[in-house]
Amino acid sequence: MKKTYKIDVDCANCANKMEEAAKKTEGVKDASVNFMMLKMIVEFEEGQDPKKVMQTVRANCKKVEDDCEIFL
């Protein structure tokens, strides 16, 4: 399952950091961040609860870029 989330991030480099953090999160099959559109597309592994996984994705993104936001 794929879902799209609105994000708030200041620069393309920060967006790349968020993408890498999301990809490394357990339960995420793939993730991509479009800085120009301020969107994150997340593909979840089968059987995962997107709400729970996204809480972890948000926490992991905050570790690498503390002033970013993902609107769930």
C-alpha atoms as a PDB file:
ATOM      1  CA  MET A   1       0.000   0.000   0.000  1.00  0.00           C
ATOM      2  CA  LYS A   2       1.245   3.489  -0.908  1.00  0.00           C
ATOM      3  CA  LYS A   3       0.243   6.696   0.828  1.00  0.00           C
ATOM      4  CA  THR A   4       1.162  10.317   0.192  1.00  0.00           C
ATOM      5  CA  TYR A   5       1.839  12.774   3.009  1.00  0.00           C
ATOM      6  CA  LYS A   6       2.302  16.544   2.985  1.00  0.00           C
ATOM      7  CA  ILE A   7       5.627  17.607   4.485  1.00  0.00           C
ATOM      8  CA  ASP A   8       7.274  20.831   5.555  1.00  0.00           C
ATOM      9  CA  VAL A   9      11.026  21.001   5.012  1.00  0.00           C
ATOM     10  CA  ASP A  10      13.379  23.906   4.282  1.00  0.00           C
ATOM     11  CA  CYS A  11      15.848  22.571   1.705  1.00  0.00           C
ATOM     12  CA  ALA A  12      16.429  19.790  -0.803  1.00  0.00           C
ATOM     13  CA  ASN A  13      19.305  18.353   1.251  1.00  0.00           C
ATOM     14  CA  CYS A  14      17.022  18.074   4.279  1.00  0.00           C
ATOM     15  CA  ALA A  15      14.395  16.383   2.094  1.00  0.00           C
ATOM     16  CA  ASN A  16      17.013  13.813   1.048  1.00  0.00           C
ATOM     17  CA  LYS A  17      17.841  13.147   4.705  1.00  0.00           C
ATOM     18  CA  MET A  18      14.140  12.617   5.417  1.00  0.00           C
ATOM     19  CA  GLU A  19      13.837  10.205   2.489  1.00  0.00           C
ATOM     20  CA  GLU A  20      16.797   8.131   3.678  1.00  0.00           C
ATOM     21  CA  ALA A  21      15.471   8.051   7.250  1.00  0.00           C
ATOM     22  CA  ALA A  22      12.055   6.911   6.016  1.00  0.00           C
ATOM     23  CA  LYS A  23      13.557   4.175   3.827  1.00  0.00           C
ATOM     24  CA  LYS A  24      15.453   2.763   6.821  1.00  0.00           C
ATOM     25  CA  THR A  25      12.312   2.575   8.991  1.00  0.00           C
ATOM     26  CA  GLU A  26      10.982  -0.879   9.789  1.00  0.00           C
ATOM     27  CA  GLY A  27       7.705  -1.503   7.960  1.00  0.00           C
ATOM     28  CA  VAL A  28       8.593   0.777   5.018  1.00  0.00           C
ATOM     29  CA  LYS A  29       9.141  -0.970   1.693  1.00  0.00           C
ATOM     30  CA  ASP A  30      10.104   2.235  -0.140  1.00  0.00           C
ATOM     31  CA  ALA A  31       9.866   5.993   0.298  1.00  0.00           C
ATOM     32  CA  SER A  32      10.450   9.059  -1.829  1.00  0.00           C
ATOM     33  CA  VAL A  33      10.364  12.759  -1.046  1.00  0.00           C
ATOM     34  CA  ASN A  34       9.533  15.401  -3.633  1.00  0.00           C
ATOM     35  CA  PHE A  35      10.966  18.657  -2.294  1.00  0.00           C
ATOM     36  CA  MET A  36       9.321  20.835  -4.961  1.00  0.00           C
ATOM     37  CA  MET A  37       5.850  19.422  -4.215  1.00  0.00           C
ATOM     38  CA  LEU A  38       6.512  19.076  -0.457  1.00  0.00           C
ATOM     39  CA  LYS A  39       5.233  15.507  -0.508  1.00  0.00           C
ATOM     40  CA  MET A  40       6.458  12.178   0.812  1.00  0.00           C
ATOM     41  CA  ILE A  41       5.239   8.960  -0.787  1.00  0.00           C
ATOM     42  CA  VAL A  42       5.604   5.901   1.420  1.00  0.00           C
ATOM     43  CA  GLU A  43       5.075   2.300   0.351  1.00  0.00           C
ATOM     44  CA  PHE A  44       4.419   0.046   3.312  1.00  0.00           C
ATOM     45  CA  GLU A  45       5.396  -3.594   3.683  1.00  0.00           C
ATOM     46  CA  GLU A  46       2.510  -6.066   3.578  1.00  0.00           C
ATOM     47  CA  GLY A  47       0.578  -6.344   6.833  1.00  0.00           C
ATOM     48  CA  GLN A  48       1.957  -3.143   8.379  1.00  0.00           C
ATOM     49  CA  ASP A  49      -0.245  -0.523  10.051  1.00  0.00           C
ATOM     50  CA  PRO A  50       0.515   2.744   8.194  1.00  0.00           C
ATOM     51  CA  LYS A  51      -0.411   4.925  11.193  1.00  0.00           C
ATOM     52  CA  LYS A  52       2.030   3.132  13.520  1.00  0.00           C
ATOM     53  CA  VAL A  53       4.793   3.008  10.920  1.00  0.00           C
ATOM     54  CA  MET A  54       4.395   6.725  10.138  1.00  0.00           C
ATOM     55  CA  GLN A  55       4.791   7.630  13.809  1.00  0.00           C
ATOM     56  CA  THR A  56       8.193   5.916  13.646  1.00  0.00           C
ATOM     57  CA  VAL A  57       9.013   7.533  10.292  1.00  0.00           C
ATOM     58  CA  ARG A  58       8.232  10.959  11.777  1.00  0.00           C
ATOM     59  CA  ALA A  59      10.456  10.269  14.813  1.00  0.00           C
ATOM     60  CA  ASN A  60      13.309   9.052  12.583  1.00  0.00           C
ATOM     61  CA  CYS A  61      13.019  12.090  10.319  1.00  0.00           C
ATOM     62  CA  LYS A  62      13.096  14.422  13.345  1.00  0.00           C
ATOM     63  CA  LYS A  63      16.396  12.787  14.392  1.00  0.00           C
ATOM     64  CA  VAL A  64      18.094  13.797  11.126  1.00  0.00           C
ATOM     65  CA  GLU A  65      16.234  17.090  10.550  1.00  0.00           C
ATOM     66  CA  ASP A  66      14.635  18.424  13.718  1.00  0.00           C
ATOM     67  CA  ASP A  67      12.637  21.238  12.100  1.00  0.00           C
ATOM     68  CA  CYS A  68      10.904  19.055   9.485  1.00  0.00           C
ATOM     69  CA  GLU A  69       7.260  18.047   9.717  1.00  0.00           C
ATOM     70  CA  ILE A  70       5.135  15.274   8.250  1.00  0.00           C
ATOM     71  CA  PHE A  71       1.398  15.881   8.335  1.00  0.00           C
ATOM     72  CA  LEU A  72      -0.326  12.593   9.086  1.00  0.00           C
END
